[in-house]
């Protein structure tokens, strides 16, 4: 997809995958997940649960406080939802803090 955005034709590998010919990943092959947000961490957990043993997550920020943008996420307790499927629903529910108000901040924290 990135190749198309840059104006190039897709490589043979991409074309083969579209036809249903997928390369099989080895369980000990190196996998790097870029970003430790909700999507990145969910992907890493799912890969490890699928048996992949060499999964790394990289993040550009040194810590949560490195980024000044606000973060917020409202989750529902769904025993058949994505959090349950990756095995973290109960742990998340135990850490739950009811959302009583929502605020939006700009990059300077205002």
C-alpha atoms as a PDB file:
ATOM      1  CA  UNK A   1       0.000   0.000   0.000  1.00  0.00           C
ATOM      2  CA  UNK A   2       2.824   2.406   0.816  1.00  0.00           C
ATOM      3  CA  UNK A   3       4.373   1.637  -2.544  1.00  0.00           C
ATOM      4  CA  UNK A   4       1.193   2.713  -4.323  1.00  0.00           C
ATOM      5  CA  UNK A   5       1.049   5.913  -2.305  1.00  0.00           C
ATOM      6  CA  UNK A   6       4.547   6.742  -3.518  1.00  0.00           C
ATOM      7  CA  UNK A   7       3.521   6.165  -7.117  1.00  0.00           C
ATOM      8  CA  UNK A   8       5.253   2.807  -7.607  1.00  0.00           C
ATOM      9  CA  UNK A   9       3.794  -0.448  -8.771  1.00  0.00           C
ATOM     10  CA  UNK A  10       3.310  -3.099  -6.078  1.00  0.00           C
ATOM     11  CA  UNK A  11       6.116  -5.604  -5.835  1.00  0.00           C
ATOM     12  CA  UNK A  12       5.661  -9.226  -6.927  1.00  0.00           C
ATOM     13  CA  UNK A  13       5.416 -10.199  -3.268  1.00  0.00           C
ATOM     14  CA  UNK A  14       2.446  -7.888  -2.704  1.00  0.00           C
ATOM     15  CA  UNK A  15       0.752  -9.094  -5.900  1.00  0.00           C
ATOM     16  CA  UNK A  16       1.213 -12.721  -4.860  1.00  0.00           C
ATOM     17  CA  UNK A  17      -0.347 -12.051  -1.468  1.00  0.00           C
ATOM     18  CA  UNK A  18      -3.387 -10.503  -3.139  1.00  0.00           C
ATOM     19  CA  UNK A  19      -3.856 -13.706  -5.142  1.00  0.00           C
ATOM     20  CA  UNK A  20      -3.955 -15.696  -1.913  1.00  0.00           C
ATOM     21  CA  UNK A  21      -0.379 -17.009  -1.997  1.00  0.00           C
ATOM     22  CA  UNK A  22       0.868 -16.000   1.434  1.00  0.00           C
ATOM     23  CA  UNK A  23       4.270 -16.570   2.885  1.00  0.00           C
ATOM     24  CA  UNK A  24       4.167 -18.454   6.146  1.00  0.00           C
ATOM     25  CA  UNK A  25       5.893 -16.708   9.043  1.00  0.00           C
ATOM     26  CA  UNK A  26       8.119 -18.813  11.215  1.00  0.00           C
ATOM     27  CA  UNK A  27       7.127 -18.796  14.895  1.00  0.00           C
ATOM     28  CA  UNK A  28      10.648 -17.730  15.905  1.00  0.00           C
ATOM     29  CA  UNK A  29      11.016 -15.123  13.130  1.00  0.00           C
ATOM     30  CA  UNK A  30      11.662 -11.564  14.264  1.00  0.00           C
ATOM     31  CA  UNK A  31       8.530  -9.382  14.365  1.00  0.00           C
ATOM     32  CA  UNK A  32       8.683  -5.692  15.263  1.00  0.00           C
ATOM     33  CA  UNK A  33       5.496  -3.841  16.170  1.00  0.00           C
ATOM     34  CA  UNK A  34       5.885  -0.085  15.739  1.00  0.00           C
ATOM     35  CA  UNK A  35       3.983   1.902  18.367  1.00  0.00           C
ATOM     36  CA  UNK A  36       2.910   1.013  21.873  1.00  0.00           C
ATOM     37  CA  UNK A  37      -0.584   2.387  21.591  1.00  0.00           C
ATOM     38  CA  UNK A  38      -3.698   0.299  21.934  1.00  0.00           C
ATOM     39  CA  UNK A  39      -3.327  -1.188  18.453  1.00  0.00           C
ATOM     40  CA  UNK A  40       0.378  -1.975  18.784  1.00  0.00           C
ATOM     41  CA  UNK A  41       0.093  -3.604  22.182  1.00  0.00           C
ATOM     42  CA  UNK A  42      -2.977  -5.574  21.099  1.00  0.00           C
ATOM     43  CA  UNK A  43      -1.101  -6.801  18.038  1.00  0.00           C
ATOM     44  CA  UNK A  44       1.917  -7.829  20.133  1.00  0.00           C
ATOM     45  CA  UNK A  45      -0.239  -9.696  22.656  1.00  0.00           C
ATOM     46  CA  UNK A  46      -2.148 -11.460  19.871  1.00  0.00           C
ATOM     47  CA  UNK A  47       1.078 -12.486  18.111  1.00  0.00           C
ATOM     48  CA  UNK A  48       2.527 -13.930  21.308  1.00  0.00           C
ATOM     49  CA  UNK A  49      -0.708 -15.776  22.040  1.00  0.00           C
ATOM     50  CA  UNK A  50      -0.534 -17.201  18.509  1.00  0.00           C
ATOM     51  CA  UNK A  51       2.848 -18.697  19.388  1.00  0.00           C
ATOM     52  CA  UNK A  52       5.292 -16.172  17.945  1.00  0.00           C
ATOM     53  CA  UNK A  53       8.303 -16.039  20.251  1.00  0.00           C
ATOM     54  CA  UNK A  54      10.362 -13.111  18.975  1.00  0.00           C
ATOM     55  CA  UNK A  55       7.987 -10.114  19.136  1.00  0.00           C
ATOM     56  CA  UNK A  56       9.307  -6.657  19.997  1.00  0.00           C
ATOM     57  CA  UNK A  57       7.428  -3.390  20.457  1.00  0.00           C
ATOM     58  CA  UNK A  58       9.182  -0.096  19.707  1.00  0.00           C
ATOM     59  CA  UNK A  59       7.932   3.333  20.719  1.00  0.00           C
ATOM     60  CA  UNK A  60       9.371   6.740  19.854  1.00  0.00           C
ATOM     61  CA  UNK A  61       8.434   8.332  23.182  1.00  0.00           C
ATOM     62  CA  UNK A  62      10.567   7.594  26.233  1.00  0.00           C
ATOM     63  CA  UNK A  63       7.559   7.524  28.562  1.00  0.00           C
ATOM     64  CA  UNK A  64       3.852   8.369  28.723  1.00  0.00           C
ATOM     65  CA  UNK A  65       4.763  11.805  30.096  1.00  0.00           C
ATOM     66  CA  UNK A  66       6.997  12.499  27.067  1.00  0.00           C
ATOM     67  CA  UNK A  67       3.969  13.242  24.955  1.00  0.00           C
ATOM     68  CA  UNK A  68       1.791  16.168  25.912  1.00  0.00           C
ATOM     69  CA  UNK A  69      -1.312  15.249  23.931  1.00  0.00           C
ATOM     70  CA  UNK A  70      -4.174  13.970  26.006  1.00  0.00           C
ATOM     71  CA  UNK A  71      -5.288  10.389  25.784  1.00  0.00           C
ATOM     72  CA  UNK A  72      -8.682   8.984  26.465  1.00  0.00           C
ATOM     73  CA  UNK A  73     -10.416   5.748  25.757  1.00  0.00           C
ATOM     74  CA  UNK A  74     -13.867   4.553  26.680  1.00  0.00           C
ATOM     75  CA  UNK A  75     -14.251   0.777  26.789  1.00  0.00           C
ATOM     76  CA  UNK A  76     -17.315  -1.317  27.357  1.00  0.00           C
ATOM     77  CA  UNK A  77     -17.282  -4.525  29.355  1.00  0.00           C
ATOM     78  CA  UNK A  78     -17.929  -7.092  26.649  1.00  0.00           C
ATOM     79  CA  UNK A  79     -17.172 -10.754  27.465  1.00  0.00           C
ATOM     80  CA  UNK A  80     -17.114 -11.540  23.727  1.00  0.00           C
ATOM     81  CA  UNK A  81     -15.235  -8.411  22.641  1.00  0.00           C
ATOM     82  CA  UNK A  82     -11.616  -7.831  21.625  1.00  0.00           C
ATOM     83  CA  UNK A  83     -10.271  -7.413  25.164  1.00  0.00           C
ATOM     84  CA  UNK A  84     -11.744 -10.774  26.136  1.00  0.00           C
ATOM     85  CA  UNK A  85     -10.307 -12.401  22.999  1.00  0.00           C
ATOM     86  CA  UNK A  86      -6.778 -11.350  23.914  1.00  0.00           C
ATOM     87  CA  UNK A  87      -7.300 -12.324  27.559  1.00  0.00           C
ATOM     88  CA  UNK A  88      -7.062  -8.939  29.275  1.00  0.00           C
ATOM     89  CA  UNK A  89     -10.719  -8.026  29.905  1.00  0.00           C
ATOM     90  CA  UNK A  90     -10.786  -8.891  33.611  1.00  0.00           C
ATOM     91  CA  UNK A  91      -7.473  -7.155  34.285  1.00  0.00           C
ATOM     92  CA  UNK A  92      -8.679  -4.025  32.507  1.00  0.00           C
ATOM     93  CA  UNK A  93     -11.995  -4.147  34.379  1.00  0.00           C
ATOM     94  CA  UNK A  94     -10.146  -4.343  37.718  1.00  0.00           C
ATOM     95  CA  UNK A  95      -8.229  -1.172  36.823  1.00  0.00           C
ATOM     96  CA  UNK A  96     -11.354   0.585  35.623  1.00  0.00           C
ATOM     97  CA  UNK A  97     -12.031   4.162  36.564  1.00  0.00           C
ATOM     98  CA  UNK A  98     -15.531   5.368  35.676  1.00  0.00           C
ATOM     99  CA  UNK A  99     -15.425   8.239  33.200  1.00  0.00           C
ATOM    100  CA  UNK A 100     -17.320  11.175  34.632  1.00  0.00           C
ATOM    101  CA  UNK A 101     -16.050  13.913  32.299  1.00  0.00           C
ATOM    102  CA  UNK A 102     -13.931  14.318  29.197  1.00  0.00           C
ATOM    103  CA  UNK A 103     -11.420  17.065  28.422  1.00  0.00           C
ATOM    104  CA  UNK A 104      -9.501  17.941  25.285  1.00  0.00           C
ATOM    105  CA  UNK A 105      -6.019  19.453  25.455  1.00  0.00           C
ATOM    106  CA  UNK A 106      -3.738  20.864  22.789  1.00  0.00           C
ATOM    107  CA  UNK A 107      -0.058  19.929  22.420  1.00  0.00           C
ATOM    108  CA  UNK A 108       0.987  22.531  25.019  1.00  0.00           C
ATOM    109  CA  UNK A 109      -1.323  21.007  27.640  1.00  0.00           C
ATOM    110  CA  UNK A 110      -3.997  23.730  27.518  1.00  0.00           C
END
